[in-house]
Amino acid sequence: MRNCAPFDSIVSFNRAVDDRSEFELYPRTLRQRLPRVRIPLVHPDPDVVLDLHGAVEQTYDAGRYRETLRYDRPCKPPLAPEDQKWAKELIRRAFRKTSPNRKRRSR
């Protein structure tokens, strides 16, 4: 059953103050770019900003995910039909960009 909320996931950070009831929430839909988030450090140090989308991209590029993930199979849990169609198109474009006859960018 598909989530009825207006978002598909939530990134959450908890601040270590008092009773730990202070949270930052970053709701996202599947099609939204992951956010830049403020990571709380120990007081009195200021927060640091982390670009989650960039971190995931760098991890993907540095790892073996392209070879180990099964892009030929539907997602688990299943996506809504319109989201599955969108995801397949993204995958198709990504693989076309890095086909063997094109040079992969190195980091």
N, C-alpha and C. Protein backbone atom coordinates (compact mmCIF):
# COMPACT_ATOMS: atom_id res chain seq x y z
N MET A 1 0.84 -1.18 0.00
CA MET A 1 0.00 0.00 0.00
C MET A 1 0.88 1.24 0.00
N ARG A 2 0.58 2.18 -0.83
CA ARG A 2 1.35 3.42 -0.97
C ARG A 2 1.05 4.36 0.19
N ASN A 3 2.11 5.03 0.65
CA ASN A 3 1.98 6.02 1.71
C ASN A 3 1.08 7.16 1.24
N CYS A 4 0.14 7.56 2.06
CA CYS A 4 -0.80 8.62 1.69
C CYS A 4 -0.29 10.00 2.06
N ALA A 5 0.83 10.08 2.72
CA ALA A 5 1.39 11.37 3.10
C ALA A 5 1.91 12.09 1.85
N PRO A 6 2.08 13.42 1.93
CA PRO A 6 2.59 14.15 0.77
C PRO A 6 4.10 14.02 0.58
N PHE A 7 4.70 13.06 1.25
CA PHE A 7 6.13 12.82 1.11
C PHE A 7 6.39 11.32 1.17
N ASP A 8 7.55 10.91 0.66
CA ASP A 8 7.92 9.50 0.65
C ASP A 8 8.93 9.14 1.74
N SER A 9 9.70 10.13 2.18
CA SER A 9 10.69 9.87 3.22
C SER A 9 10.93 11.15 4.01
N ILE A 10 11.55 10.97 5.17
CA ILE A 10 11.90 12.11 6.01
C ILE A 10 13.33 11.92 6.49
N VAL A 11 14.14 12.95 6.31
CA VAL A 11 15.46 13.00 6.90
C VAL A 11 15.27 13.72 8.23
N SER A 12 15.80 13.15 9.31
CA SER A 12 15.59 13.72 10.63
C SER A 12 16.90 13.78 11.40
N PHE A 13 17.11 14.91 12.08
CA PHE A 13 18.26 15.06 12.96
C PHE A 13 17.76 15.52 14.31
N ASN A 14 18.35 14.98 15.35
CA ASN A 14 17.97 15.30 16.72
C ASN A 14 19.09 16.08 17.37
N ARG A 15 18.72 17.15 18.03
CA ARG A 15 19.71 17.96 18.74
C ARG A 15 19.87 17.45 20.16
N ALA A 16 21.10 17.33 20.60
CA ALA A 16 21.39 16.81 21.93
C ALA A 16 21.27 17.94 22.97
N VAL A 17 20.07 18.42 23.15
CA VAL A 17 19.81 19.46 24.15
C VAL A 17 18.69 18.99 25.06
N ASP A 18 18.81 19.31 26.32
CA ASP A 18 17.79 19.02 27.33
C ASP A 18 17.24 17.61 27.18
N ASP A 19 15.95 17.50 26.86
CA ASP A 19 15.31 16.18 26.78
C ASP A 19 15.33 15.59 25.36
N ARG A 20 16.18 16.13 24.52
CA ARG A 20 16.34 15.66 23.12
C ARG A 20 15.04 15.72 22.34
N SER A 21 14.23 16.73 22.59
CA SER A 21 12.96 16.86 21.89
C SER A 21 13.03 17.85 20.73
N GLU A 22 14.22 18.31 20.43
CA GLU A 22 14.38 19.27 19.34
C GLU A 22 14.86 18.53 18.08
N PHE A 23 14.02 18.53 17.05
CA PHE A 23 14.32 17.81 15.81
C PHE A 23 14.28 18.76 14.62
N GLU A 24 15.01 18.40 13.59
CA GLU A 24 14.86 19.05 12.30
C GLU A 24 14.40 17.96 11.35
N LEU A 25 13.33 18.24 10.64
CA LEU A 25 12.75 17.28 9.71
C LEU A 25 12.81 17.84 8.30
N TYR A 26 13.18 16.98 7.37
CA TYR A 26 13.27 17.35 5.96
C TYR A 26 12.45 16.34 5.15
N PRO A 27 11.14 16.57 5.02
CA PRO A 27 10.33 15.64 4.22
C PRO A 27 10.65 15.77 2.73
N ARG A 28 10.64 14.67 2.04
CA ARG A 28 10.94 14.65 0.61
C ARG A 28 10.06 13.65 -0.11
N THR A 29 9.75 14.00 -1.36
CA THR A 29 9.11 13.02 -2.25
C THR A 29 10.23 12.32 -3.01
N LEU A 30 9.90 11.22 -3.63
CA LEU A 30 10.88 10.45 -4.39
C LEU A 30 11.58 11.29 -5.44
N ARG A 31 10.86 12.18 -6.06
CA ARG A 31 11.41 12.94 -7.18
C ARG A 31 12.16 14.20 -6.77
N GLN A 32 12.16 14.53 -5.50
CA GLN A 32 12.88 15.71 -5.04
C GLN A 32 14.34 15.40 -4.77
N ARG A 33 15.17 16.37 -5.04
CA ARG A 33 16.60 16.27 -4.71
C ARG A 33 16.73 16.15 -3.19
N LEU A 34 17.66 15.34 -2.73
CA LEU A 34 17.92 15.26 -1.30
C LEU A 34 18.39 16.62 -0.81
N PRO A 35 18.08 16.98 0.42
CA PRO A 35 18.37 18.34 0.89
C PRO A 35 19.81 18.53 1.35
N ARG A 36 20.16 19.80 1.49
CA ARG A 36 21.35 20.19 2.25
C ARG A 36 20.84 20.33 3.67
N VAL A 37 21.48 19.66 4.61
CA VAL A 37 20.98 19.64 5.98
C VAL A 37 22.04 20.18 6.93
N ARG A 38 21.55 20.70 8.05
CA ARG A 38 22.46 21.19 9.09
C ARG A 38 22.67 20.05 10.07
N ILE A 39 23.93 19.66 10.23
CA ILE A 39 24.28 18.59 11.15
C ILE A 39 24.68 19.22 12.48
N PRO A 40 23.94 18.88 13.54
CA PRO A 40 24.28 19.47 14.83
C PRO A 40 25.54 18.86 15.41
N LEU A 41 26.39 19.71 15.90
CA LEU A 41 27.59 19.27 16.59
C LEU A 41 27.41 19.55 18.08
N VAL A 42 28.42 19.26 18.84
CA VAL A 42 28.37 19.49 20.28
C VAL A 42 28.42 21.00 20.55
N HIS A 43 27.58 21.44 21.44
CA HIS A 43 27.55 22.85 21.82
C HIS A 43 28.91 23.25 22.38
N PRO A 44 29.50 24.33 22.05
CA PRO A 44 28.99 25.50 21.35
C PRO A 44 29.39 25.55 19.87
N ASP A 45 29.86 24.43 19.31
CA ASP A 45 30.26 24.41 17.91
C ASP A 45 29.04 24.65 17.01
N PRO A 46 29.24 25.41 15.93
CA PRO A 46 28.12 25.65 15.01
C PRO A 46 27.81 24.39 14.19
N ASP A 47 26.60 24.35 13.65
CA ASP A 47 26.22 23.25 12.75
C ASP A 47 27.13 23.25 11.52
N VAL A 48 27.26 22.08 10.90
CA VAL A 48 27.92 22.00 9.60
C VAL A 48 26.87 21.60 8.59
N VAL A 49 27.03 22.07 7.37
CA VAL A 49 26.07 21.77 6.32
C VAL A 49 26.56 20.58 5.52
N LEU A 50 25.67 19.63 5.31
CA LEU A 50 25.98 18.44 4.53
C LEU A 50 25.03 18.38 3.34
N ASP A 51 25.58 18.32 2.15
CA ASP A 51 24.78 18.15 0.93
C ASP A 51 24.52 16.66 0.78
N LEU A 52 23.36 16.20 1.25
CA LEU A 52 23.05 14.77 1.21
C LEU A 52 23.04 14.23 -0.21
N HIS A 53 22.48 14.99 -1.14
CA HIS A 53 22.42 14.52 -2.53
C HIS A 53 23.83 14.31 -3.08
N GLY A 54 24.70 15.29 -2.83
CA GLY A 54 26.08 15.17 -3.28
C GLY A 54 26.80 14.00 -2.64
N ALA A 55 26.53 13.79 -1.34
CA ALA A 55 27.17 12.67 -0.63
C ALA A 55 26.73 11.33 -1.20
N VAL A 56 25.44 11.20 -1.51
CA VAL A 56 24.94 9.95 -2.09
C VAL A 56 25.53 9.75 -3.49
N GLU A 57 25.57 10.80 -4.29
CA GLU A 57 26.17 10.69 -5.63
C GLU A 57 27.63 10.28 -5.56
N GLN A 58 28.39 10.90 -4.67
CA GLN A 58 29.81 10.56 -4.55
C GLN A 58 29.99 9.11 -4.09
N THR A 59 29.17 8.68 -3.15
CA THR A 59 29.24 7.29 -2.67
C THR A 59 28.91 6.33 -3.80
N TYR A 60 27.89 6.65 -4.58
CA TYR A 60 27.51 5.80 -5.71
C TYR A 60 28.65 5.71 -6.72
N ASP A 61 29.21 6.87 -7.07
CA ASP A 61 30.29 6.90 -8.06
C ASP A 61 31.54 6.15 -7.58
N ALA A 62 31.84 6.24 -6.28
CA ALA A 62 33.04 5.61 -5.74
C ALA A 62 32.85 4.12 -5.48
N GLY A 63 31.63 3.68 -5.34
CA GLY A 63 31.36 2.29 -5.01
C GLY A 63 31.06 1.44 -6.23
N ARG A 64 30.52 0.26 -5.99
CA ARG A 64 30.21 -0.67 -7.08
C ARG A 64 28.71 -0.82 -7.28
N TYR A 65 27.95 0.20 -6.88
CA TYR A 65 26.49 0.10 -6.92
C TYR A 65 25.96 -0.14 -8.33
N ARG A 66 26.55 0.50 -9.32
CA ARG A 66 26.10 0.31 -10.71
C ARG A 66 26.16 -1.16 -11.12
N GLU A 67 27.18 -1.88 -10.62
CA GLU A 67 27.34 -3.28 -10.98
C GLU A 67 26.52 -4.23 -10.09
N THR A 68 26.19 -3.81 -8.87
CA THR A 68 25.54 -4.74 -7.95
C THR A 68 24.03 -4.54 -7.81
N LEU A 69 23.53 -3.33 -8.04
CA LEU A 69 22.09 -3.10 -7.93
C LEU A 69 21.38 -3.67 -9.16
N ARG A 70 20.20 -4.20 -8.96
CA ARG A 70 19.43 -4.83 -10.04
C ARG A 70 18.45 -3.83 -10.64
N TYR A 71 18.93 -3.04 -11.57
CA TYR A 71 18.11 -2.01 -12.18
C TYR A 71 17.08 -2.59 -13.15
N ASP A 72 17.22 -3.86 -13.49
CA ASP A 72 16.28 -4.49 -14.41
C ASP A 72 15.03 -5.00 -13.69
N ARG A 73 14.99 -4.87 -12.37
CA ARG A 73 13.84 -5.33 -11.58
C ARG A 73 13.10 -4.16 -10.97
N PRO A 74 11.79 -4.32 -10.74
CA PRO A 74 11.03 -3.25 -10.08
C PRO A 74 11.52 -3.03 -8.65
N CYS A 75 11.30 -1.85 -8.15
CA CYS A 75 11.71 -1.50 -6.78
C CYS A 75 10.94 -2.30 -5.75
N LYS A 76 11.60 -2.53 -4.61
CA LYS A 76 10.92 -3.13 -3.45
C LYS A 76 11.12 -2.18 -2.29
N PRO A 77 10.07 -1.71 -1.67
CA PRO A 77 8.67 -1.94 -2.00
C PRO A 77 8.35 -1.29 -3.34
N PRO A 78 7.30 -1.76 -3.98
CA PRO A 78 6.98 -1.24 -5.32
C PRO A 78 6.64 0.24 -5.30
N LEU A 79 7.02 0.91 -6.37
CA LEU A 79 6.67 2.32 -6.54
C LEU A 79 5.30 2.42 -7.19
N ALA A 80 4.69 3.57 -7.05
CA ALA A 80 3.45 3.84 -7.79
C ALA A 80 3.80 3.75 -9.28
N PRO A 81 2.87 3.32 -10.13
CA PRO A 81 3.19 3.15 -11.55
C PRO A 81 3.85 4.37 -12.19
N GLU A 82 3.37 5.57 -11.89
CA GLU A 82 3.95 6.76 -12.51
C GLU A 82 5.37 7.02 -11.99
N ASP A 83 5.64 6.65 -10.73
CA ASP A 83 7.00 6.80 -10.20
C ASP A 83 7.93 5.74 -10.76
N GLN A 84 7.44 4.53 -10.98
CA GLN A 84 8.26 3.48 -11.58
C GLN A 84 8.66 3.87 -13.00
N LYS A 85 7.72 4.43 -13.73
CA LYS A 85 8.01 4.89 -15.10
C LYS A 85 9.07 6.00 -15.07
N TRP A 86 8.94 6.93 -14.13
CA TRP A 86 9.91 8.01 -13.97
C TRP A 86 11.29 7.44 -13.63
N ALA A 87 11.34 6.48 -12.70
CA ALA A 87 12.61 5.88 -12.28
C ALA A 87 13.27 5.14 -13.45
N LYS A 88 12.49 4.40 -14.22
CA LYS A 88 13.05 3.68 -15.37
C LYS A 88 13.68 4.65 -16.37
N GLU A 89 13.05 5.80 -16.57
CA GLU A 89 13.58 6.79 -17.50
C GLU A 89 14.88 7.38 -16.96
N LEU A 90 14.94 7.66 -15.68
CA LEU A 90 16.19 8.16 -15.07
C LEU A 90 17.32 7.15 -15.26
N ILE A 91 17.02 5.90 -15.00
CA ILE A 91 18.03 4.84 -15.13
C ILE A 91 18.49 4.72 -16.58
N ARG A 92 17.55 4.77 -17.49
CA ARG A 92 17.89 4.67 -18.92
C ARG A 92 18.83 5.81 -19.32
N ARG A 93 18.52 7.04 -18.89
CA ARG A 93 19.36 8.18 -19.23
C ARG A 93 20.74 8.09 -18.57
N ALA A 94 20.78 7.63 -17.31
CA ALA A 94 22.06 7.52 -16.60
C ALA A 94 22.96 6.49 -17.27
N PHE A 95 22.41 5.36 -17.68
CA PHE A 95 23.23 4.34 -18.32
C PHE A 95 23.65 4.76 -19.72
N ARG A 96 22.83 5.54 -20.38
CA ARG A 96 23.20 6.03 -21.70
C ARG A 96 24.39 7.00 -21.59
N LYS A 97 24.40 7.84 -20.54
CA LYS A 97 25.49 8.79 -20.34
C LYS A 97 26.82 8.10 -20.09
N THR A 98 26.77 6.94 -19.44
CA THR A 98 28.02 6.26 -19.07
C THR A 98 28.20 4.95 -19.83
N SER A 99 27.70 4.90 -21.04
CA SER A 99 27.86 3.67 -21.83
C SER A 99 29.34 3.43 -22.08
N PRO A 100 29.72 2.19 -22.40
CA PRO A 100 31.14 1.83 -22.56
C PRO A 100 31.88 2.68 -23.59
N ASN A 101 31.18 3.19 -24.60
CA ASN A 101 31.88 3.98 -25.63
C ASN A 101 32.08 5.44 -25.19
N ARG A 102 31.58 5.81 -24.01
CA ARG A 102 31.82 7.14 -23.46
C ARG A 102 32.73 7.00 -22.26
N LYS A 103 33.55 7.97 -22.06
CA LYS A 103 34.48 7.95 -20.94
C LYS A 103 33.75 8.34 -19.65
N ARG A 104 33.90 7.51 -18.60
CA ARG A 104 33.33 7.84 -17.28
C ARG A 104 34.19 8.89 -16.63
N ARG A 105 33.53 9.86 -15.96
CA ARG A 105 34.31 10.86 -15.25
C ARG A 105 34.90 10.24 -14.00
N SER A 106 36.08 10.63 -13.66
CA SER A 106 36.71 10.10 -12.46
C SER A 106 36.71 11.18 -11.40
N ARG A 107 36.73 10.73 -10.16
CA ARG A 107 36.72 11.68 -9.02
C ARG A 107 38.03 11.60 -8.31
